Protein backbone atom coordinates (compact mmCIF):
# COMPACT_ATOMS: atom_id res chain seq x y z
CA UNK A 1 0.00 0.00 0.00
CA UNK A 2 2.85 2.39 0.87
CA UNK A 3 4.49 1.76 -2.54
CA UNK A 4 1.18 2.45 -4.30
CA UNK A 5 0.77 5.79 -2.48
CA UNK A 6 4.35 6.84 -3.29
CA UNK A 7 3.80 5.92 -6.94
CA UNK A 8 0.54 7.89 -7.10
CA UNK A 9 2.18 10.90 -5.45
CA UNK A 10 5.15 10.65 -7.79
CA UNK A 11 3.04 10.61 -10.94
CA UNK A 12 0.72 13.40 -9.81
CA UNK A 13 3.60 15.81 -10.52
CA UNK A 14 3.86 14.63 -14.14
CA UNK A 15 0.36 15.59 -15.18
CA UNK A 16 1.05 19.32 -14.80
CA UNK A 17 3.46 21.76 -16.37
CA UNK A 18 6.52 21.07 -14.26
CA UNK A 19 5.74 23.29 -11.23
CA UNK A 20 8.57 22.43 -8.83
CA UNK A 21 10.86 25.34 -8.04
CA UNK A 22 14.47 24.22 -8.12
CA UNK A 23 17.34 26.49 -7.20
CA UNK A 24 18.64 28.48 -10.14
CA UNK A 25 22.39 28.01 -10.13
CA UNK A 26 22.89 29.15 -13.74
CA UNK A 27 21.76 32.11 -15.82
CA UNK A 28 22.49 31.14 -19.40
CA UNK A 29 20.78 32.79 -22.34
CA UNK A 30 19.03 30.04 -24.28
CA UNK A 31 18.53 30.47 -28.01
CA UNK A 32 16.99 27.06 -28.82
CA UNK A 33 18.33 27.27 -32.36
CA UNK A 34 17.77 23.56 -33.03
CA UNK A 35 15.01 21.08 -32.41
CA UNK A 36 15.21 17.32 -32.04
CA UNK A 37 13.15 15.14 -34.42
CA UNK A 38 10.60 14.78 -31.58
CA UNK A 39 10.33 18.52 -30.83
CA UNK A 40 12.72 19.25 -27.96
CA UNK A 41 14.28 22.71 -28.27
CA UNK A 42 18.09 22.63 -28.12
CA UNK A 43 20.73 25.32 -27.75
CA UNK A 44 23.94 23.53 -28.75
CA UNK A 45 26.22 26.50 -28.15
CA UNK A 46 29.34 25.87 -30.24
CA UNK A 47 29.13 22.09 -29.70
CA UNK A 48 28.18 19.36 -32.14
CA UNK A 49 25.30 17.56 -30.44
CA UNK A 50 23.48 14.34 -31.27
CA UNK A 51 19.82 15.38 -31.41
CA UNK A 52 18.68 11.75 -31.73
CA UNK A 53 20.53 10.93 -28.47
CA UNK A 54 18.50 13.58 -26.63
CA UNK A 55 15.26 12.07 -27.96
CA UNK A 56 16.49 8.57 -27.07
CA UNK A 57 17.28 9.58 -23.46
CA UNK A 58 13.87 11.23 -23.08
CA UNK A 59 12.13 8.20 -24.61
CA UNK A 60 14.00 5.87 -22.22
CA UNK A 61 13.10 8.00 -19.21
CA UNK A 62 9.48 8.30 -20.32
CA UNK A 63 9.17 4.51 -20.72
CA UNK A 64 10.79 3.91 -17.34
CA UNK A 65 8.62 6.30 -15.33
CA UNK A 66 5.54 5.29 -17.30
CA UNK A 67 4.34 8.82 -17.98
CA UNK A 68 4.45 11.13 -21.00
CA UNK A 69 7.04 13.90 -20.90
CA UNK A 70 5.97 17.18 -22.49
CA UNK A 71 8.75 17.79 -24.98
CA UNK A 72 7.67 21.38 -25.64
CA UNK A 73 7.83 22.25 -21.92
CA UNK A 74 11.62 22.36 -21.63
CA UNK A 75 14.79 23.08 -23.59
CA UNK A 76 18.29 21.60 -23.46
CA UNK A 77 21.35 23.87 -23.27
CA UNK A 78 24.98 22.88 -23.87
CA UNK A 79 27.01 25.79 -22.42
CA UNK A 80 29.95 27.27 -24.32
CA UNK A 81 32.02 27.55 -21.14
CA UNK A 82 32.45 23.82 -20.48
CA UNK A 83 35.88 22.80 -19.20
CA UNK A 84 37.62 19.72 -17.80
CA UNK A 85 38.18 19.86 -14.04
CA UNK A 86 41.87 19.52 -13.12
CA UNK A 87 40.77 17.68 -9.96
CA UNK A 88 38.22 15.14 -11.19
CA UNK A 89 38.61 15.09 -14.97
CA UNK A 90 34.86 15.71 -15.27
CA UNK A 91 33.40 18.04 -17.90
CA UNK A 92 31.87 20.94 -15.93
CA UNK A 93 30.37 24.39 -16.33
CA UNK A 94 30.29 27.30 -13.86
CA UNK A 95 27.30 27.40 -11.54
CA UNK A 96 26.42 28.95 -8.20
CA UNK A 97 26.10 25.74 -6.23
CA UNK A 98 26.05 26.38 -2.45
CA UNK A 99 29.33 25.24 -0.90
CA UNK A 100 27.61 23.02 1.70
CA UNK A 101 25.76 21.19 -1.09
CA UNK A 102 29.01 20.80 -3.00
CA UNK A 103 30.82 19.32 0.00
CA UNK A 104 27.91 16.90 0.60
CA UNK A 105 28.10 15.78 -3.07
CA UNK A 106 31.87 15.17 -2.75
CA UNK A 107 31.30 12.95 0.28
CA UNK A 108 28.07 11.22 -0.82
CA UNK A 109 29.26 10.51 -4.35
CA UNK A 110 32.71 9.26 -3.32
CA UNK A 111 34.40 11.71 -5.69
CA UNK A 112 37.64 10.37 -7.11
CA UNK A 113 40.52 12.72 -7.85
CA UNK A 114 42.71 12.25 -10.89
CA UNK A 115 46.48 11.82 -10.46
CA UNK A 116 48.20 15.19 -10.08
CA UNK A 117 45.07 16.93 -8.78
CA UNK A 118 45.93 20.39 -7.41
CA UNK A 119 43.66 19.78 -4.37
CA UNK A 120 42.99 16.98 -1.91
CA UNK A 121 39.50 15.67 -1.13
CA UNK A 122 39.62 17.49 2.21
CA UNK A 123 40.28 20.76 0.39
CA UNK A 124 37.39 20.54 -2.09
CA UNK A 125 36.07 22.88 -3.24
CA UNK A 126 39.32 24.78 -3.77
CA UNK A 127 40.44 27.65 -5.98
CA UNK A 128 41.60 25.46 -8.91
CA UNK A 129 38.53 23.22 -8.50
CA UNK A 130 35.49 25.26 -7.50
CA UNK A 131 32.05 23.76 -7.02
CA UNK A 132 30.77 23.61 -10.58
CA UNK A 133 28.12 21.48 -12.30
CA UNK A 134 27.77 18.64 -14.80
CA UNK A 135 24.02 19.33 -15.16
CA UNK A 136 21.41 21.65 -13.68
CA UNK A 137 17.84 22.86 -14.11
CA UNK A 138 17.49 26.53 -15.06
CA UNK A 139 14.29 28.51 -14.49
CA UNK A 140 12.24 25.28 -14.40
CA UNK A 141 12.34 25.35 -18.17
CA UNK A 142 15.75 24.09 -19.28
CA UNK A 143 18.17 21.29 -18.57
CA UNK A 144 21.72 22.62 -18.72
CA UNK A 145 24.11 19.75 -19.40
CA UNK A 146 27.64 18.89 -20.40
CA UNK A 147 28.24 17.22 -23.76
CA UNK A 148 28.60 13.78 -22.13
CA UNK A 149 25.02 14.15 -20.84
CA UNK A 150 25.96 11.88 -17.92
CA UNK A 151 23.43 13.57 -15.58
CA UNK A 152 20.87 14.66 -18.18
CA UNK A 153 18.34 11.98 -17.21
CA UNK A 154 18.72 12.82 -13.52
CA UNK A 155 18.01 16.52 -14.07
CA UNK A 156 15.11 15.79 -16.41
CA UNK A 157 13.73 13.37 -13.82
CA UNK A 158 13.90 16.11 -11.19
CA UNK A 159 12.14 18.50 -13.53
CA UNK A 160 9.27 16.21 -14.58
CA UNK A 161 8.62 14.46 -11.26
CA UNK A 162 9.46 17.11 -8.67
CA UNK A 163 11.63 14.57 -6.82
CA UNK A 164 14.74 16.51 -5.86
CA UNK A 165 17.03 13.51 -5.38
CA UNK A 166 15.88 10.74 -7.71
CA UNK A 167 18.92 8.58 -6.81
CA UNK A 168 17.39 8.05 -3.35
CA UNK A 169 14.04 6.95 -4.79
CA UNK A 170 14.23 3.22 -5.57
CA UNK A 171 11.63 3.51 -8.31
CA UNK A 172 13.36 6.42 -10.09
CA UNK A 173 16.98 5.41 -9.51
CA UNK A 174 16.67 2.57 -12.03
CA UNK A 175 15.57 5.12 -14.67
CA UNK A 176 18.79 7.12 -14.41
CA UNK A 177 21.04 4.51 -16.02
C-alpha cells in the first residue's frame, strides 16, 4: 500500500506543467536554435550535439517512469564555457552551487581525484577546483548539461517528477542509467 501511495504521489507531478521550483544556479541565455526530431528545443552553443541521443534519453526516461514527458515544456542547453576539471577530470560548467551542497556531493558521491590533482578531497572545493556542475535545471524550463550528458536523465527526472534527489528513490533510480 505504501508503494502504491508513493507511486501515485510521484506521478501526480507529471500531469502538470513542471511546477517544482528548483534552485537556479545558472543564468544562461538560451537560443533554442535547433530542435530534435521529436520537438525538444536545443541550444547547442558551439558544440556538435546528437539530437537523436537527446530524444532517445527522453524516450527511455518516459518509458521507465511510465508517464508522457511534455517535450515542448523544456529546452536543453549545452554551455559554451564547459571545461575539464583539473581535480576530477569531469566536464563541468560554472554554476552557483552552495558550498555546503558541493561538500555533501563530494562525500556522498565518493568523488575520485585524478592523479596530479591540485587539491585533496579534504580541500574541495578549492580555488583550482570550485564547485561547478555537470548538469542543472534553469528557471524550471531548461536542462543545462555537459556534452557527455551523464546527468541529463537525472536533471530531467527532477524536472518532470518534482523529486529533488531521484537517486534516493528506488523507483526512479533505475531510470537514471
